[in-house]
């Protein structure tokens, strides 16, 4: 009985770690996407301002 309890606990711990890893990765991907979008908008604004000054 004790062996099944330990195996069950290890399976639950594995599932919790896997779920938290997925959640952390999803949050990092979302934050990275937001920063990438801001960076692209900043580059676009800089490029437009350079084009406007040259013409």
C-alpha atoms as a PDB file:
ATOM      1  CA  UNK A   1       0.000   0.000   0.000  1.00  0.00           C
ATOM      2  CA  UNK A   2       2.848   2.359   0.849  1.00  0.00           C
ATOM      3  CA  UNK A   3       4.450   1.771  -2.562  1.00  0.00           C
ATOM      4  CA  UNK A   4       1.238   2.777  -4.365  1.00  0.00           C
ATOM      5  CA  UNK A   5       0.986   5.916  -2.252  1.00  0.00           C
ATOM      6  CA  UNK A   6       4.541   6.943  -3.150  1.00  0.00           C
ATOM      7  CA  UNK A   7       4.011   6.203  -6.857  1.00  0.00           C
ATOM      8  CA  UNK A   8       0.757   8.165  -6.824  1.00  0.00           C
ATOM      9  CA  UNK A   9       2.435  11.091  -5.107  1.00  0.00           C
ATOM     10  CA  UNK A  10       5.261  11.078  -7.662  1.00  0.00           C
ATOM     11  CA  UNK A  11       2.768  11.040 -10.542  1.00  0.00           C
ATOM     12  CA  UNK A  12       0.836  13.958  -9.051  1.00  0.00           C
ATOM     13  CA  UNK A  13       4.089  15.864  -8.449  1.00  0.00           C
ATOM     14  CA  UNK A  14       5.152  15.203 -12.041  1.00  0.00           C
ATOM     15  CA  UNK A  15       1.824  16.480 -13.384  1.00  0.00           C
ATOM     16  CA  UNK A  16       2.017  19.620 -11.244  1.00  0.00           C
ATOM     17  CA  UNK A  17       5.574  20.362 -12.393  1.00  0.00           C
ATOM     18  CA  UNK A  18       4.640  19.740 -16.036  1.00  0.00           C
ATOM     19  CA  UNK A  19       1.584  22.010 -15.774  1.00  0.00           C
ATOM     20  CA  UNK A  20       3.525  24.803 -14.064  1.00  0.00           C
ATOM     21  CA  UNK A  21       6.294  24.522 -16.654  1.00  0.00           C
ATOM     22  CA  UNK A  22       3.717  24.874 -19.426  1.00  0.00           C
ATOM     23  CA  UNK A  23       2.084  27.874 -17.699  1.00  0.00           C
ATOM     24  CA  UNK A  24       5.429  29.639 -17.172  1.00  0.00           C
ATOM     25  CA  UNK A  25       6.427  28.992 -20.791  1.00  0.00           C
ATOM     26  CA  UNK A  26       3.081  30.305 -22.052  1.00  0.00           C
ATOM     27  CA  UNK A  27       3.465  33.467 -19.948  1.00  0.00           C
ATOM     28  CA  UNK A  28       7.010  34.004 -21.245  1.00  0.00           C
ATOM     29  CA  UNK A  29       5.852  33.545 -24.842  1.00  0.00           C
ATOM     30  CA  UNK A  30       3.004  36.036 -24.325  1.00  0.00           C
ATOM     31  CA  UNK A  31       5.278  38.641 -22.732  1.00  0.00           C
ATOM     32  CA  UNK A  32       7.881  38.121 -25.445  1.00  0.00           C
ATOM     33  CA  UNK A  33       5.253  38.577 -28.138  1.00  0.00           C
ATOM     34  CA  UNK A  34       4.103  41.841 -26.571  1.00  0.00           C
ATOM     35  CA  UNK A  35       7.675  43.146 -26.368  1.00  0.00           C
ATOM     36  CA  UNK A  36       8.319  42.063 -29.953  1.00  0.00           C
ATOM     37  CA  UNK A  37       5.219  43.952 -31.087  1.00  0.00           C
ATOM     38  CA  UNK A  38       6.319  47.090 -29.232  1.00  0.00           C
ATOM     39  CA  UNK A  39       9.798  46.783 -30.773  1.00  0.00           C
ATOM     40  CA  UNK A  40       8.335  46.436 -34.285  1.00  0.00           C
ATOM     41  CA  UNK A  41       6.107  49.488 -33.752  1.00  0.00           C
ATOM     42  CA  UNK A  42       9.103  51.493 -32.482  1.00  0.00           C
ATOM     43  CA  UNK A  43      11.181  50.492 -35.519  1.00  0.00           C
ATOM     44  CA  UNK A  44       8.302  51.371 -37.829  1.00  0.00           C
ATOM     45  CA  UNK A  45       7.960  54.789 -36.200  1.00  0.00           C
ATOM     46  CA  UNK A  46      11.694  55.396 -36.461  1.00  0.00           C
ATOM     47  CA  UNK A  47      11.719  54.369 -40.124  1.00  0.00           C
ATOM     48  CA  UNK A  48       8.750  56.646 -40.908  1.00  0.00           C
ATOM     49  CA  UNK A  49      10.410  59.568 -39.138  1.00  0.00           C
ATOM     50  CA  UNK A  50      13.627  59.014 -41.099  1.00  0.00           C
ATOM     51  CA  UNK A  51      11.666  58.859 -44.366  1.00  0.00           C
ATOM     52  CA  UNK A  52       9.800  62.050 -43.480  1.00  0.00           C
ATOM     53  CA  UNK A  53      13.038  63.939 -42.734  1.00  0.00           C
ATOM     54  CA  UNK A  54      14.753  62.868 -45.981  1.00  0.00           C
ATOM     55  CA  UNK A  55      11.857  63.971 -48.224  1.00  0.00           C
END
